[in-house]
Amino acid sequence: MKKAATVPRKTLVAREDLLNKVSEIAKDQGCSLFELVNDLFQLVIQCNKMGFVLRQTVEDCRVLELAKSSGFILGLERLWYDMVDMAYMADKSASLKSWFDSGVWFAARYDIVNSESFAKFKEELYVFTWNAPEFVFEHEGNNLFVRVTSPRFTEAYSFLFASFLVGALETFGYELVNKEVLRGMIRINSVRNVV
């Protein structure tokens, strides 16, 4: 009778709270702690081979899930810009209103009176707007300056995205002072309404 091969094992030290939680997860998934820990090690090795860091991979998955639950869809960027341009040329005022209303809707998802919610809004907007290499919010007293640049934005997309931003900012209590929009560049100056 052939003897079963034994796999060499090594002892690892981990925080007790983490070990307990991972043990619960293993139980919920119907596997042993040994199996789950080895799966985790294999994932770390696989991510490393692909040039990824596991923490960043998990964050990227979180972002995609957040975008999906927030009403976003994935699409081809070039096709998106083409469709935006066609809609803008067909009915400029209706397109601008639709994007403004979408900005209002997007901002309304946050607790408007909570200052932390504006920070969360900005954070998520940065994440969802990965096609803009420069996206800056600067505060000076009650004034808020927003600057967005992307060489890939079309002129129509630049105007429509600016309308989206103005709608969102108005929802947070900012009043438009002025805006400058050119192909691939948006500058918005707004002031917070203080009651």
Protein backbone atom coordinates (compact mmCIF):
# COMPACT_ATOMS: atom_id res chain seq x y z
CA MET A 1 0.00 0.00 0.00
CA LYS A 2 1.29 3.39 -1.03
CA LYS A 3 1.69 5.96 1.71
CA ALA A 4 -0.05 9.33 1.13
CA ALA A 5 2.40 12.12 0.47
CA THR A 6 2.53 14.75 3.15
CA VAL A 7 2.85 18.39 2.25
CA PRO A 8 5.40 20.26 4.32
CA ARG A 9 3.77 22.92 6.49
CA LYS A 10 5.01 26.07 8.10
CA THR A 11 3.64 27.93 11.08
CA LEU A 12 2.51 31.52 10.52
CA VAL A 13 1.74 34.14 13.12
CA ALA A 14 -1.29 36.38 12.63
CA ARG A 15 -3.39 38.75 14.71
CA GLU A 16 -6.04 36.81 16.57
CA ASP A 17 -8.94 39.02 15.44
CA LEU A 18 -7.96 38.57 11.79
CA LEU A 19 -7.46 34.84 12.19
CA ASN A 20 -10.88 34.49 13.83
CA LYS A 21 -12.56 36.45 11.04
CA VAL A 22 -10.82 34.46 8.29
CA SER A 23 -11.77 31.26 10.11
CA GLU A 24 -15.44 32.38 10.05
CA ILE A 25 -15.17 33.16 6.34
CA ALA A 26 -13.69 29.72 5.67
CA LYS A 27 -16.55 28.11 7.56
CA ASP A 28 -19.13 30.18 5.63
CA GLN A 29 -17.49 29.12 2.36
CA GLY A 30 -17.46 25.46 3.37
CA CYS A 31 -13.70 25.02 3.41
CA SER A 32 -10.98 24.69 6.01
CA LEU A 33 -8.85 27.56 7.24
CA PHE A 34 -5.87 25.74 5.71
CA GLU A 35 -7.56 25.72 2.27
CA LEU A 36 -8.60 29.37 2.46
CA VAL A 37 -5.16 30.58 3.57
CA ASN A 38 -3.52 28.61 0.77
CA ASP A 39 -6.01 30.10 -1.74
CA LEU A 40 -5.04 33.56 -0.49
CA PHE A 41 -1.34 32.78 -0.96
CA GLN A 42 -2.03 31.52 -4.49
CA LEU A 43 -3.94 34.74 -5.28
CA VAL A 44 -1.06 36.89 -4.02
CA ILE A 45 1.37 34.89 -6.18
CA GLN A 46 -0.93 35.11 -9.22
CA CYS A 47 -1.40 38.88 -8.79
CA ASN A 48 2.34 39.34 -8.48
CA LYS A 49 2.97 37.36 -11.68
CA MET A 50 0.49 39.60 -13.50
CA GLY A 51 2.18 42.73 -12.15
CA PHE A 52 -0.64 43.59 -9.75
CA VAL A 53 -0.68 44.17 -6.03
CA LEU A 54 -3.49 42.32 -4.25
CA ARG A 55 -4.54 45.37 -2.21
CA GLN A 56 -4.86 47.48 -5.39
CA THR A 57 -6.71 44.67 -7.16
CA VAL A 58 -9.25 44.52 -4.33
CA GLU A 59 -9.60 48.34 -4.41
CA ASP A 60 -10.18 48.23 -8.18
CA CYS A 61 -12.92 45.62 -7.67
CA ARG A 62 -14.48 47.84 -4.98
CA VAL A 63 -14.49 50.78 -7.40
CA LEU A 64 -16.18 48.73 -10.13
CA GLU A 65 -18.81 47.47 -7.71
CA LEU A 66 -19.39 51.01 -6.42
CA ALA A 67 -19.72 52.34 -9.97
CA LYS A 68 -22.18 49.57 -10.86
CA SER A 69 -24.32 50.22 -7.78
CA SER A 70 -24.21 53.97 -8.52
CA GLY A 71 -25.79 53.55 -11.95
CA PHE A 72 -22.67 53.59 -14.14
CA ILE A 73 -22.01 51.21 -17.00
CA LEU A 74 -18.80 50.38 -18.83
CA GLY A 75 -18.55 51.31 -22.46
CA LEU A 76 -16.06 52.06 -25.18
CA GLU A 77 -14.68 55.55 -24.65
CA ARG A 78 -14.53 56.49 -28.35
CA LEU A 79 -18.12 55.28 -28.89
CA TRP A 80 -19.24 57.23 -25.80
CA TYR A 81 -17.73 60.46 -27.13
CA ASP A 82 -19.28 59.88 -30.56
CA MET A 83 -22.75 59.34 -29.03
CA VAL A 84 -22.34 62.41 -26.81
CA ASP A 85 -21.34 64.51 -29.82
CA MET A 86 -24.37 63.32 -31.82
CA ALA A 87 -26.79 64.07 -28.98
CA TYR A 88 -25.22 67.49 -28.41
CA MET A 89 -25.47 68.39 -32.12
CA ALA A 90 -29.07 67.14 -32.33
CA ASP A 91 -30.33 69.14 -29.32
CA LYS A 92 -27.80 71.20 -27.42
CA SER A 93 -30.13 72.61 -24.76
CA ALA A 94 -31.80 69.25 -24.00
CA SER A 95 -28.38 67.59 -23.74
CA LEU A 96 -27.07 70.26 -21.37
CA LYS A 97 -30.20 69.97 -19.22
CA SER A 98 -29.96 66.18 -19.12
CA TRP A 99 -26.34 66.33 -17.94
CA PHE A 100 -27.14 69.07 -15.41
CA ASP A 101 -30.00 66.95 -14.03
CA SER A 102 -27.69 63.92 -13.86
CA GLY A 103 -25.22 66.00 -11.83
CA VAL A 104 -28.04 66.94 -9.45
CA TRP A 105 -29.06 63.28 -9.16
CA PHE A 106 -25.47 62.12 -8.60
CA ALA A 107 -24.86 64.69 -5.83
CA ALA A 108 -28.24 64.03 -4.21
CA ARG A 109 -27.05 60.51 -3.38
CA TYR A 110 -24.92 62.04 -0.63
CA ASP A 111 -25.97 63.61 2.66
CA ILE A 112 -25.80 67.23 1.48
CA VAL A 113 -25.54 68.84 4.93
CA ASN A 114 -22.64 66.64 6.01
CA SER A 115 -19.22 68.10 5.11
CA GLU A 116 -17.74 64.59 4.94
CA SER A 117 -20.23 63.74 2.19
CA PHE A 118 -18.72 66.39 -0.11
CA ALA A 119 -15.32 64.77 0.41
CA LYS A 120 -16.89 61.38 -0.43
CA PHE A 121 -18.54 62.90 -3.52
CA LYS A 122 -15.18 64.25 -4.72
CA GLU A 123 -13.41 60.97 -4.01
CA GLU A 124 -15.94 58.92 -5.95
CA LEU A 125 -16.05 61.42 -8.81
CA TYR A 126 -12.24 61.20 -9.13
CA VAL A 127 -12.50 57.42 -9.28
CA PHE A 128 -15.34 57.35 -11.80
CA THR A 129 -13.66 59.93 -14.04
CA TRP A 130 -10.51 57.99 -14.77
CA ASN A 131 -10.36 59.45 -18.30
CA ALA A 132 -9.42 62.89 -16.89
CA PRO A 133 -5.72 63.03 -15.96
CA GLU A 134 -6.25 66.34 -14.17
CA PHE A 135 -9.25 66.74 -11.86
CA VAL A 136 -8.73 69.32 -9.13
CA PHE A 137 -10.99 70.83 -6.47
CA GLU A 138 -9.50 73.85 -4.68
CA HIS A 139 -11.17 75.71 -1.81
CA GLU A 140 -10.47 79.35 -0.95
CA GLY A 141 -12.83 80.44 1.81
CA ASN A 142 -16.35 79.97 0.46
CA ASN A 143 -15.10 79.75 -3.13
CA LEU A 144 -14.59 76.45 -4.88
CA PHE A 145 -12.52 76.16 -8.03
CA VAL A 146 -12.81 73.03 -10.17
CA ARG A 147 -10.38 72.28 -12.97
CA VAL A 148 -10.68 69.28 -15.28
CA THR A 149 -8.49 68.57 -18.28
CA SER A 150 -8.30 65.66 -20.66
CA PRO A 151 -6.87 65.68 -24.18
CA ARG A 152 -9.41 62.99 -25.11
CA PHE A 153 -12.55 65.00 -24.24
CA THR A 154 -14.43 66.25 -27.27
CA GLU A 155 -15.78 69.80 -27.26
CA ALA A 156 -19.34 68.53 -26.72
CA TYR A 157 -18.28 66.23 -23.89
CA SER A 158 -16.39 69.09 -22.23
CA PHE A 159 -19.51 71.31 -22.24
CA LEU A 160 -21.79 68.50 -21.09
CA PHE A 161 -19.48 67.35 -18.29
CA ALA A 162 -19.20 70.97 -17.13
CA SER A 163 -23.01 71.08 -16.97
CA PHE A 164 -22.97 67.86 -14.90
CA LEU A 165 -20.48 69.41 -12.48
CA VAL A 166 -22.49 72.64 -12.13
CA GLY A 167 -25.63 70.60 -11.34
CA ALA A 168 -23.76 68.60 -8.70
CA LEU A 169 -22.17 71.70 -7.16
CA GLU A 170 -25.51 73.53 -7.01
CA THR A 171 -26.95 70.54 -5.15
CA PHE A 172 -24.20 70.97 -2.56
CA GLY A 173 -25.11 74.66 -2.18
CA TYR A 174 -22.55 76.24 -4.52
CA GLU A 175 -23.59 79.01 -6.87
CA LEU A 176 -21.84 79.36 -10.22
CA VAL A 177 -19.69 82.50 -10.46
CA ASN A 178 -18.20 81.71 -13.86
CA LYS A 179 -17.04 78.85 -16.00
CA GLU A 180 -14.69 78.48 -18.89
CA VAL A 181 -15.04 75.50 -21.19
CA LEU A 182 -12.90 74.58 -24.16
CA ARG A 183 -12.30 71.24 -25.82
CA GLY A 184 -10.63 69.09 -23.15
CA MET A 185 -10.61 71.81 -20.47
CA ILE A 186 -13.14 72.88 -17.85
CA ARG A 187 -12.69 75.63 -15.25
CA ILE A 188 -15.49 76.36 -12.82
CA ASN A 189 -15.55 79.02 -10.11
CA SER A 190 -18.41 78.76 -7.63
CA VAL A 191 -19.21 80.18 -4.22
CA ARG A 192 -20.89 78.43 -1.31
CA ASN A 193 -24.24 79.93 -0.31
CA VAL A 194 -23.91 80.73 3.37
CA VAL A 195 -27.22 81.26 5.19
